[in-house]
Amino acid sequence: MIGTVLSGSIGGMLLAPTFSGALGEWLGWRHPYLVAAALVLLPAGLWALLPSGEPSLQPRRRPGAATRLRNAGVPGPTTTTPGYIGA
């Protein structure tokens, strides 16, 4: 995970000046700033489209391991076998 983040960070540091320099030479000095602003505002616009409902205060109930195994057809422990040895 850290390697992926660091490689993306280093790749961005190496490619951003190249991309913005080429874009600036091609379209003018303002366009790299406009592209950067659009790349910042795009996630903000997508964030605004997300539902704004409050999260539930009740924790989600997930089936336990025994329930999942039972639903998969795996036999569970029998109730006739004592859970301890000796009395």
N, C-alpha and C. Protein backbone atom coordinates (compact mmCIF):
# COMPACT_ATOMS: atom_id res chain seq x y z
N MET A 1 0.83 -1.19 0.00
CA MET A 1 0.00 0.00 0.00
C MET A 1 0.87 1.26 0.00
N ILE A 2 1.87 1.29 0.85
CA ILE A 2 2.73 2.47 0.93
C ILE A 2 3.53 2.62 -0.35
N GLY A 3 3.96 1.49 -0.94
CA GLY A 3 4.70 1.55 -2.19
C GLY A 3 3.88 2.13 -3.32
N THR A 4 2.59 1.78 -3.35
CA THR A 4 1.70 2.33 -4.38
C THR A 4 1.54 3.83 -4.21
N VAL A 5 1.35 4.27 -2.98
CA VAL A 5 1.19 5.70 -2.72
C VAL A 5 2.46 6.46 -3.07
N LEU A 6 3.60 5.92 -2.66
CA LEU A 6 4.86 6.62 -2.94
C LEU A 6 5.17 6.63 -4.43
N SER A 7 4.89 5.54 -5.14
CA SER A 7 5.17 5.54 -6.58
C SER A 7 4.25 6.52 -7.30
N GLY A 8 3.00 6.62 -6.87
CA GLY A 8 2.11 7.62 -7.46
C GLY A 8 2.56 9.03 -7.17
N SER A 9 3.04 9.25 -5.96
CA SER A 9 3.53 10.58 -5.59
C SER A 9 4.76 10.97 -6.41
N ILE A 10 5.70 10.04 -6.51
CA ILE A 10 6.92 10.34 -7.29
C ILE A 10 6.59 10.48 -8.77
N GLY A 11 5.71 9.62 -9.27
CA GLY A 11 5.30 9.74 -10.68
C GLY A 11 4.62 11.06 -10.96
N GLY A 12 3.80 11.52 -10.02
CA GLY A 12 3.14 12.81 -10.18
C GLY A 12 4.13 13.96 -10.17
N MET A 13 5.13 13.86 -9.30
CA MET A 13 6.15 14.92 -9.25
C MET A 13 6.97 14.98 -10.54
N LEU A 14 7.17 13.83 -11.16
CA LEU A 14 7.95 13.81 -12.39
C LEU A 14 7.12 14.20 -13.61
N LEU A 15 5.86 13.79 -13.65
CA LEU A 15 5.04 14.02 -14.84
C LEU A 15 4.31 15.37 -14.83
N ALA A 16 4.00 15.92 -13.67
CA ALA A 16 3.24 17.17 -13.61
C ALA A 16 3.97 18.33 -14.30
N PRO A 17 5.25 18.57 -14.04
CA PRO A 17 5.91 19.67 -14.75
C PRO A 17 6.00 19.43 -16.26
N THR A 18 6.18 18.18 -16.65
CA THR A 18 6.24 17.86 -18.08
C THR A 18 4.90 18.14 -18.75
N PHE A 19 3.83 17.65 -18.12
CA PHE A 19 2.48 17.84 -18.68
C PHE A 19 2.10 19.31 -18.70
N SER A 20 2.33 20.01 -17.59
CA SER A 20 1.93 21.42 -17.55
C SER A 20 2.80 22.27 -18.47
N GLY A 21 4.08 21.92 -18.61
CA GLY A 21 4.93 22.66 -19.54
C GLY A 21 4.50 22.48 -20.98
N ALA A 22 4.15 21.24 -21.35
CA ALA A 22 3.68 20.99 -22.72
C ALA A 22 2.35 21.69 -22.96
N LEU A 23 1.46 21.62 -21.97
CA LEU A 23 0.15 22.28 -22.11
C LEU A 23 0.31 23.79 -22.19
N GLY A 24 1.23 24.33 -21.40
CA GLY A 24 1.48 25.77 -21.44
C GLY A 24 2.08 26.24 -22.75
N GLU A 25 2.97 25.45 -23.32
CA GLU A 25 3.55 25.79 -24.62
C GLU A 25 2.50 25.71 -25.73
N TRP A 26 1.60 24.75 -25.60
CA TRP A 26 0.62 24.51 -26.66
C TRP A 26 -0.53 25.51 -26.60
N LEU A 27 -1.09 25.75 -25.39
CA LEU A 27 -2.30 26.57 -25.27
C LEU A 27 -2.09 27.90 -24.55
N GLY A 28 -0.97 28.11 -23.94
CA GLY A 28 -0.74 29.35 -23.21
C GLY A 28 -0.57 29.08 -21.72
N TRP A 29 -0.06 30.08 -21.03
CA TRP A 29 0.31 29.88 -19.64
C TRP A 29 -0.86 29.70 -18.69
N ARG A 30 -2.07 30.15 -19.07
CA ARG A 30 -3.22 30.04 -18.17
C ARG A 30 -3.83 28.64 -18.15
N HIS A 31 -3.69 27.90 -19.21
CA HIS A 31 -4.38 26.62 -19.31
C HIS A 31 -3.92 25.55 -18.32
N PRO A 32 -2.65 25.46 -17.96
CA PRO A 32 -2.31 24.50 -16.90
C PRO A 32 -3.04 24.79 -15.58
N TYR A 33 -3.24 26.07 -15.27
CA TYR A 33 -3.97 26.42 -14.06
C TYR A 33 -5.44 26.07 -14.19
N LEU A 34 -6.01 26.29 -15.36
CA LEU A 34 -7.42 25.95 -15.57
C LEU A 34 -7.64 24.44 -15.50
N VAL A 35 -6.72 23.67 -16.05
CA VAL A 35 -6.83 22.21 -15.98
C VAL A 35 -6.70 21.74 -14.53
N ALA A 36 -5.77 22.32 -13.80
CA ALA A 36 -5.60 21.96 -12.39
C ALA A 36 -6.86 22.30 -11.59
N ALA A 37 -7.45 23.46 -11.86
CA ALA A 37 -8.68 23.85 -11.17
C ALA A 37 -9.82 22.89 -11.51
N ALA A 38 -9.91 22.48 -12.77
CA ALA A 38 -10.96 21.53 -13.16
C ALA A 38 -10.75 20.18 -12.49
N LEU A 39 -9.50 19.75 -12.36
CA LEU A 39 -9.22 18.47 -11.71
C LEU A 39 -9.52 18.52 -10.21
N VAL A 40 -9.48 19.69 -9.61
CA VAL A 40 -9.84 19.83 -8.21
C VAL A 40 -11.35 19.92 -8.05
N LEU A 41 -12.02 20.63 -8.95
CA LEU A 41 -13.46 20.82 -8.83
C LEU A 41 -14.27 19.61 -9.25
N LEU A 42 -13.71 18.75 -10.09
CA LEU A 42 -14.43 17.55 -10.53
C LEU A 42 -14.78 16.63 -9.37
N PRO A 43 -13.84 16.25 -8.50
CA PRO A 43 -14.25 15.42 -7.35
C PRO A 43 -15.21 16.15 -6.41
N ALA A 44 -15.06 17.46 -6.28
CA ALA A 44 -15.99 18.21 -5.43
C ALA A 44 -17.41 18.15 -5.99
N GLY A 45 -17.54 18.25 -7.31
CA GLY A 45 -18.86 18.14 -7.93
C GLY A 45 -19.44 16.75 -7.78
N LEU A 46 -18.60 15.73 -7.91
CA LEU A 46 -19.07 14.36 -7.73
C LEU A 46 -19.44 14.11 -6.27
N TRP A 47 -18.72 14.73 -5.35
CA TRP A 47 -19.03 14.59 -3.93
C TRP A 47 -20.41 15.19 -3.62
N ALA A 48 -20.76 16.27 -4.30
CA ALA A 48 -22.06 16.92 -4.07
C ALA A 48 -23.21 16.03 -4.55
N LEU A 49 -22.95 15.11 -5.46
CA LEU A 49 -24.01 14.24 -5.96
C LEU A 49 -24.28 13.05 -5.04
N LEU A 50 -23.41 12.81 -4.07
CA LEU A 50 -23.61 11.70 -3.15
C LEU A 50 -24.81 11.97 -2.26
N PRO A 51 -25.49 10.93 -1.81
CA PRO A 51 -26.61 11.15 -0.89
C PRO A 51 -26.12 11.75 0.42
N SER A 52 -26.93 12.61 0.99
CA SER A 52 -26.52 13.33 2.19
C SER A 52 -27.19 12.78 3.44
N GLY A 53 -27.68 11.57 3.39
CA GLY A 53 -28.36 10.99 4.55
C GLY A 53 -27.40 10.76 5.70
N GLU A 54 -27.95 10.83 6.88
CA GLU A 54 -27.16 10.58 8.08
C GLU A 54 -26.91 9.08 8.21
N PRO A 55 -25.77 8.69 8.70
CA PRO A 55 -25.53 7.27 8.91
C PRO A 55 -26.39 6.74 10.05
N SER A 56 -26.72 5.48 9.99
CA SER A 56 -27.54 4.87 11.02
C SER A 56 -26.74 4.75 12.31
N LEU A 57 -27.42 4.97 13.43
CA LEU A 57 -26.77 4.83 14.72
C LEU A 57 -26.71 3.37 15.15
N GLN A 58 -27.56 2.53 14.55
CA GLN A 58 -27.56 1.11 14.86
C GLN A 58 -26.47 0.41 14.07
N PRO A 59 -25.66 -0.41 14.73
CA PRO A 59 -24.64 -1.13 13.97
C PRO A 59 -25.27 -2.16 13.04
N ARG A 60 -24.63 -2.38 11.92
CA ARG A 60 -25.14 -3.37 10.99
C ARG A 60 -24.93 -4.75 11.57
N ARG A 61 -25.95 -5.58 11.48
CA ARG A 61 -25.84 -6.95 11.98
C ARG A 61 -25.32 -7.82 10.86
N ARG A 62 -24.23 -8.49 11.14
CA ARG A 62 -23.66 -9.43 10.19
C ARG A 62 -23.74 -10.81 10.80
N PRO A 63 -24.02 -11.80 9.98
CA PRO A 63 -24.09 -13.14 10.54
C PRO A 63 -22.72 -13.59 11.04
N GLY A 64 -22.74 -14.32 12.14
CA GLY A 64 -21.51 -14.83 12.71
C GLY A 64 -20.96 -15.99 11.89
N ALA A 65 -19.82 -16.48 12.30
CA ALA A 65 -19.17 -17.56 11.56
C ALA A 65 -20.02 -18.83 11.58
N ALA A 66 -20.65 -19.14 12.74
CA ALA A 66 -21.47 -20.35 12.83
C ALA A 66 -22.65 -20.27 11.87
N THR A 67 -23.28 -19.11 11.76
CA THR A 67 -24.42 -18.96 10.85
C THR A 67 -23.98 -19.11 9.41
N ARG A 68 -22.83 -18.53 9.06
CA ARG A 68 -22.35 -18.67 7.69
C ARG A 68 -22.01 -20.12 7.37
N LEU A 69 -21.40 -20.83 8.30
CA LEU A 69 -21.08 -22.24 8.06
C LEU A 69 -22.34 -23.08 7.98
N ARG A 70 -23.33 -22.80 8.82
CA ARG A 70 -24.58 -23.54 8.79
C ARG A 70 -25.29 -23.32 7.45
N ASN A 71 -25.28 -22.10 6.97
CA ASN A 71 -25.91 -21.81 5.68
C ASN A 71 -25.14 -22.47 4.53
N ALA A 72 -23.87 -22.74 4.73
CA ALA A 72 -23.06 -23.38 3.69
C ALA A 72 -23.18 -24.89 3.74
N GLY A 73 -23.89 -25.43 4.75
CA GLY A 73 -24.07 -26.87 4.84
C GLY A 73 -23.01 -27.58 5.64
N VAL A 74 -22.18 -26.86 6.38
CA VAL A 74 -21.16 -27.49 7.20
C VAL A 74 -21.78 -27.82 8.55
N PRO A 75 -21.69 -29.10 8.99
CA PRO A 75 -22.31 -29.45 10.28
C PRO A 75 -21.56 -28.80 11.43
N GLY A 76 -22.30 -28.37 12.42
CA GLY A 76 -21.71 -27.73 13.58
C GLY A 76 -21.50 -28.72 14.70
N PRO A 77 -21.05 -28.28 15.85
CA PRO A 77 -20.85 -29.18 16.98
C PRO A 77 -22.19 -29.68 17.50
N THR A 78 -22.20 -30.90 17.99
CA THR A 78 -23.44 -31.47 18.53
C THR A 78 -23.63 -30.97 19.95
N THR A 79 -24.88 -30.98 20.40
CA THR A 79 -25.18 -30.51 21.75
C THR A 79 -25.02 -31.61 22.78
N THR A 80 -24.83 -32.88 22.36
CA THR A 80 -24.70 -33.97 23.32
C THR A 80 -23.28 -34.12 23.81
N THR A 81 -22.32 -33.55 23.12
CA THR A 81 -20.93 -33.64 23.53
C THR A 81 -20.66 -32.58 24.60
N PRO A 82 -20.18 -33.02 25.80
CA PRO A 82 -19.92 -32.00 26.83
C PRO A 82 -18.74 -31.13 26.42
N GLY A 83 -18.74 -29.91 26.89
CA GLY A 83 -17.68 -28.97 26.57
C GLY A 83 -16.51 -29.07 27.51
N TYR A 84 -16.54 -30.00 28.45
CA TYR A 84 -15.46 -30.16 29.40
C TYR A 84 -15.20 -31.64 29.62
N ILE A 85 -14.07 -31.97 30.16
CA ILE A 85 -13.72 -33.36 30.44
C ILE A 85 -13.73 -33.54 31.96
N GLY A 86 -14.46 -34.56 32.40
CA GLY A 86 -14.54 -34.84 33.84
C GLY A 86 -15.52 -33.93 34.54
N ALA A 87 -15.91 -34.33 35.72
CA ALA A 87 -16.86 -33.53 36.47
C ALA A 87 -16.48 -33.46 37.91
